[in-house]
C-alpha atoms as a PDB file:
ATOM      1  CA  SER A   1      -7.121 -21.187 -29.390  1.00  0.00           C
ATOM      2  CA  PHE A   2      -3.616 -20.120 -28.350  1.00  0.00           C
ATOM      3  CA  SER A   3      -3.059 -19.385 -24.686  1.00  0.00           C
ATOM      4  CA  THR A   4      -0.134 -19.316 -22.298  1.00  0.00           C
ATOM      5  CA  SER A   5      -2.136 -18.962 -19.120  1.00  0.00           C
ATOM      6  CA  GLY A   6      -0.733 -20.597 -16.030  1.00  0.00           C
ATOM      7  CA  VAL A   7      -1.899 -21.589 -12.581  1.00  0.00           C
ATOM      8  CA  ASN A   8      -2.017 -18.969  -9.853  1.00  0.00           C
ATOM      9  CA  GLY A   9      -2.693 -19.894  -6.233  1.00  0.00           C
ATOM     10  CA  ARG A  10      -4.140 -16.487  -5.329  1.00  0.00           C
ATOM     11  CA  GLY A  11      -6.737 -16.369  -8.113  1.00  0.00           C
ATOM     12  CA  VAL A  12      -6.940 -13.592 -10.688  1.00  0.00           C
ATOM     13  CA  ILE A  13      -9.871 -11.322 -11.531  1.00  0.00           C
ATOM     14  CA  THR A  14      -9.458  -9.722 -14.977  1.00  0.00           C
ATOM     15  CA  PRO A  15     -11.991  -7.282 -16.410  1.00  0.00           C
ATOM     16  CA  GLY A  16     -10.894  -6.297 -19.904  1.00  0.00           C
ATOM     17  CA  LEU A  17     -11.649  -5.805 -23.570  1.00  0.00           C
ATOM     18  CA  SER A  18     -10.718  -7.766 -26.671  1.00  0.00           C
ATOM     19  CA  ALA A  19     -10.821  -6.790 -30.343  1.00  0.00           C
ATOM     20  CA  ALA A  20     -10.246  -9.073 -33.327  1.00  0.00           C
ATOM     21  CA  TYR A  21      -9.631  -8.345 -36.986  1.00  0.00           C
ATOM     22  CA  GLU A  22      -9.205 -10.491 -40.088  1.00  0.00           C
ATOM     23  CA  PRO A  23      -7.239  -8.322 -42.572  1.00  0.00           C
ATOM     24  CA  VAL A  24      -7.120 -11.078 -45.199  1.00  0.00           C
ATOM     25  CA  GLU A  25      -8.525 -14.577 -45.419  1.00  0.00           C
ATOM     26  CA  ARG A  26      -6.813 -17.035 -43.014  1.00  0.00           C
ATOM     27  CA  VAL A  27      -5.040 -14.289 -40.995  1.00  0.00           C
ATOM     28  CA  ASN A  28      -6.496 -13.356 -37.607  1.00  0.00           C
ATOM     29  CA  LEU A  29      -5.264 -10.600 -35.304  1.00  0.00           C
ATOM     30  CA  ARG A  30      -6.468 -10.114 -31.725  1.00  0.00           C
ATOM     31  CA  LEU A  31      -5.648  -7.449 -29.146  1.00  0.00           C
ATOM     32  CA  THR A  32      -6.699  -7.958 -25.541  1.00  0.00           C
ATOM     33  CA  SER A  33      -6.194  -5.561 -22.664  1.00  0.00           C
ATOM     34  CA  ALA A  34      -7.187  -6.194 -19.060  1.00  0.00           C
ATOM     35  CA  VAL A  35      -6.742  -4.914 -15.534  1.00  0.00           C
ATOM     36  CA  LEU A  36      -5.654  -7.744 -13.215  1.00  0.00           C
ATOM     37  CA  PHE A  37      -6.451  -8.137  -9.526  1.00  0.00           C
ATOM     38  CA  SER A  38      -5.704 -11.033  -7.208  1.00  0.00           C
ATOM     39  CA  GLN A  39      -8.494 -12.483  -5.118  1.00  0.00           C
ATOM     40  CA  GLY A  40      -6.101 -12.843  -2.172  1.00  0.00           C
ATOM     41  CA  ALA A  41      -3.605 -10.258  -1.016  1.00  0.00           C
ATOM     42  CA  HIS A  42       0.137 -10.794  -1.528  1.00  0.00           C
ATOM     43  CA  LEU A  43       1.731 -12.091   1.678  1.00  0.00           C
ATOM     44  CA  THR A  44       4.458  -9.425   1.736  1.00  0.00           C
ATOM     45  CA  SER A  45       2.911  -6.355   0.090  1.00  0.00           C
ATOM     46  CA  GLY A  46      -0.659  -6.942   1.308  1.00  0.00           C
ATOM     47  CA  ASN A  47      -2.009  -5.591  -2.002  1.00  0.00           C
ATOM     48  CA  HIS A  48      -4.329  -6.967  -4.701  1.00  0.00           C
ATOM     49  CA  PHE A  49      -3.547  -4.976  -7.884  1.00  0.00           C
ATOM     50  CA  TYR A  50      -1.429  -7.089 -10.302  1.00  0.00           C
ATOM     51  CA  GLY A  51      -1.331  -4.434 -12.999  1.00  0.00           C
ATOM     52  CA  TRP A  52      -2.438  -3.809 -16.584  1.00  0.00           C
ATOM     53  CA  GLU A  53      -1.788  -6.472 -19.240  1.00  0.00           C
ATOM     54  CA  THR A  54      -2.036  -6.102 -23.000  1.00  0.00           C
ATOM     55  CA  ASP A  55      -1.685  -9.119 -25.320  1.00  0.00           C
ATOM     56  CA  PHE A  56      -1.343  -9.243 -29.105  1.00  0.00           C
ATOM     57  CA  ASN A  57      -2.046 -12.518 -30.916  1.00  0.00           C
ATOM     58  CA  ALA A  58      -1.607 -13.264 -34.601  1.00  0.00           C
ATOM     59  CA  GLU A  59      -2.646 -16.479 -36.315  1.00  0.00           C
ATOM     60  CA  TRP A  60      -1.941 -17.388 -39.932  1.00  0.00           C
ATOM     61  CA  GLU A  61      -3.554 -20.515 -41.346  1.00  0.00           C
ATOM     62  CA  ILE A  62      -0.926 -21.600 -43.862  1.00  0.00           C
ATOM     63  CA  CYS A  63      -3.034 -24.553 -44.997  1.00  0.00           C
ATOM     64  CA  ARG A  64      -5.921 -26.576 -43.604  1.00  0.00           C
ATOM     65  CA  TYR A  65      -3.684 -28.461 -41.144  1.00  0.00           C
ATOM     66  CA  VAL A  66      -0.979 -25.899 -40.272  1.00  0.00           C
ATOM     67  CA  LYS A  67      -1.178 -22.567 -38.424  1.00  0.00           C
ATOM     68  CA  PHE A  68       1.615 -20.186 -37.499  1.00  0.00           C
ATOM     69  CA  LEU A  69       1.048 -18.451 -34.147  1.00  0.00           C
ATOM     70  CA  LEU A  70       2.611 -15.342 -32.617  1.00  0.00           C
ATOM     71  CA  GLU A  71       1.947 -13.794 -29.207  1.00  0.00           C
ATOM     72  CA  ALA A  72       3.426 -10.667 -27.611  1.00  0.00           C
ATOM     73  CA  ASP A  73       2.420  -9.665 -24.080  1.00  0.00           C
ATOM     74  CA  VAL A  74       3.313  -6.790 -21.765  1.00  0.00           C
ATOM     75  CA  LEU A  75       2.366  -6.382 -18.097  1.00  0.00           C
ATOM     76  CA  LEU A  76       2.688  -3.048 -16.329  1.00  0.00           C
ATOM     77  CA  THR A  77       2.918  -4.356 -12.778  1.00  0.00           C
ATOM     78  CA  GLY A  78       0.847  -3.007  -9.906  1.00  0.00           C
ATOM     79  CA  ASP A  79       1.278  -2.787  -6.147  1.00  0.00           C
ATOM     80  CA  PHE A  80       0.702  -6.540  -5.648  1.00  0.00           C
ATOM     81  CA  PHE A  81       4.401  -6.988  -6.370  1.00  0.00           C
ATOM     82  CA  ASP A  82       6.710  -5.718  -3.631  1.00  0.00           C
ATOM     83  CA  PHE A  83       9.744  -4.601  -5.640  1.00  0.00           C
ATOM     84  CA  ALA A  84      11.436  -3.179  -2.542  1.00  0.00           C
ATOM     85  CA  LYS A  85      12.079  -6.814  -1.558  1.00  0.00           C
ATOM     86  CA  PRO A  86      13.452  -8.713  -4.587  1.00  0.00           C
ATOM     87  CA  LEU A  87      12.775 -12.439  -4.856  1.00  0.00           C
ATOM     88  CA  GLU A  88      16.441 -13.146  -5.539  1.00  0.00           C
ATOM     89  CA  ASP A  89      19.808 -11.628  -4.723  1.00  0.00           C
ATOM     90  CA  PRO A  90      19.929  -8.467  -6.907  1.00  0.00           C
ATOM     91  CA  THR A  91      23.662  -8.904  -7.558  1.00  0.00           C
ATOM     92  CA  THR A  92      23.138 -12.240  -9.337  1.00  0.00           C
ATOM     93  CA  ALA A  93      19.568 -12.076 -10.668  1.00  0.00           C
ATOM     94  CA  VAL A  94      18.288 -10.438 -13.823  1.00  0.00           C
ATOM     95  CA  PHE A  95      15.012  -8.459 -13.920  1.00  0.00           C
ATOM     96  CA  THR A  96      14.108  -9.042 -10.257  1.00  0.00           C
ATOM     97  CA  ASN A  97      12.969  -5.441  -9.746  1.00  0.00           C
ATOM     98  CA  GLU A  98      11.442  -4.688 -13.132  1.00  0.00           C
ATOM     99  CA  PRO A  99       8.046  -2.915 -13.047  1.00  0.00           C
ATOM    100  CA  VAL A 100       7.343  -4.025 -16.641  1.00  0.00           C
ATOM    101  CA  MET A 101       7.296  -7.691 -17.699  1.00  0.00           C
ATOM    102  CA  TRP A 102       6.963  -8.978 -21.254  1.00  0.00           C
ATOM    103  CA  LYS A 103       7.160 -12.093 -23.387  1.00  0.00           C
ATOM    104  CA  ILE A 104       7.119 -13.009 -27.054  1.00  0.00           C
ATOM    105  CA  LEU A 105       6.170 -16.488 -28.265  1.00  0.00           C
ATOM    106  CA  ALA A 106       5.981 -18.080 -31.675  1.00  0.00           C
ATOM    107  CA  GLY A 107       4.754 -21.519 -32.611  1.00  0.00           C
ATOM    108  CA  VAL A 108       3.265 -23.839 -35.162  1.00  0.00           C
ATOM    109  CA  ASP A 109      -0.049 -25.599 -34.645  1.00  0.00           C
ATOM    110  CA  LEU A 110      -0.269 -28.936 -36.521  1.00  0.00           C
ATOM    111  CA  MET A 111      -3.705 -30.525 -36.798  1.00  0.00           C
ATOM    112  CA  TYR A 112      -4.528 -33.900 -38.211  1.00  0.00           C
END
């Protein structure tokens, strides 16, 4: 299992769908898409809708003890985030008002 989930003090409710495919032996691909809501409202915006997140995961088992992992995620943010009030000074911060957030991760899983 490869996950980059974190801890969120407001709680997250995420109905969604996931599809997996194994194009060749030892290669697994998974696409997950979900709508995200917070249990509690944001203190500033007063809203619950985080947005729509889609994640792509790829796993390649190189040998019995080594796996190469890749994850690419995109979040189309909802009204939970109050972009009219940036978290940082907009003259010095990067991506404080972006309505789309993304990340790409790669790693190696060593098992013994």
